[in-house]
Amino acid sequence: MCPDPLSNSHAPLETASGPVHALAAAPLPEDASPAARLRARAGRHVAWARRDGLGRLVEEDGLDPRERLAGAVSAYRWRRAHPRPAGSARAVLVVGVQRSGTNMVVRGIERDPSVEVHNENDRRAFARFQLRDDAVVRGVVGDSRHAVVLLKALCDSDRTAQLLDRLGPESRAVWVYRDVDGRAASAVAKFGDVNRRVLAEVAAAAAEGRRTGRWQERGLSPASLDLVRSLDPARLDPWSAAALFWLVRNRLLLEGGLHRRRDVHVVSYERTVADPEPSISAMARFLGLEPAPGLWSHVDARSVRPRRLDLDPRVRAACTALETELAAAADVSLRRQAPRDPRR
């Protein structure tokens, strides 16, 4: 039986990724061999299916062949009815922190037949969940005959400004964020203590004045690196480490001034689930799509306020301050995309 995730103890716990102990010597997922990654992924899927049900797994990973076939047919029909020259598609980056509800937020957009979707496991655009070389990505977008090419580039969130500048003046980015408690609980349930192990490595390297070269560290400001080092992630419980990861990666939005850019739209997962129509309508207008019920009809009435985790007080204080700033940025994005009064 899993211990209460509200506990701040360092006792081992069982998650869908296996037991969480003291920092393990096992390689991080990106360092494992292809065969080991495949075995680990299969094991995780079995565990997730047992815990959450096969239907939830199929829904989250888009594994339903009927839905895939229907989507392919719909996209083909759209291209036939709306012939477009190659090179006219708008690139859209979905960015933020993993386990932030991006699947829920953009699922309706992905089902729009005018949108070509490339998720992180699409080898044409991604390698090990990171975007391929910029020239390759530009080629993927340039070859499309859809109106929009959507790239779920969470591992490349730190490169959002660079990618927008290189993918053309019509490119857009949607930064999705989630309540820190919901994100931390989901990350530990799904991936165990991976965030803790990565941040412990980052802290150790920072103490020696070097970088790890990992994507998780890329783009972090000196202030964020100092914070990670001072909090000693190896001594944090997995949930506090997952919250710290949420903090330093979401900081990238504000530290880089992305929230002030007109080509970046900030979306709150909780606000979207609680009242999907205005949130998803605003996102659709931002992307140049027509708002319609089909874009938000998939959103269910799940609870969006998870139980409050017993996080390390220092981590909690920093996360609370950032949540306020993220909410303000999301408010600005909503106001920017408010429907215009036709009488004006």
Foldseek 3Di string as FASTA:
>chain_A
DADDLQDFDQPWGQALQGIAHQQDPDDFLVPDDPVVNVVSVVSSLVSCCVVVNPVVSCLQVVPPVVLVVVLVVLLVVVCVVPPAAFQQAAEEEEEAAPQFCPCQLFVLVCSPSLEAEDEQVRVQQHDPSAGDDLVSVLVVRRRDRGRYYYYHHHLCRLCVVVSCVSNDVRYAYEYEGAQLQSSLVVCCNRPNQSLLNVLLVLLVQVVVVHGPPGSLCPNFDPVLSVVSNVVNSSPGHSSQSSLSSNLRRNVSCVVVVVLVDLRYAYAYPQVCLCPVQLRSCLVCVSNVHHRDVSRNVVRDNDDRDDDDHNHDVVSVVSSVVVVVVSVVSNVVSSVVSPDDDVVD
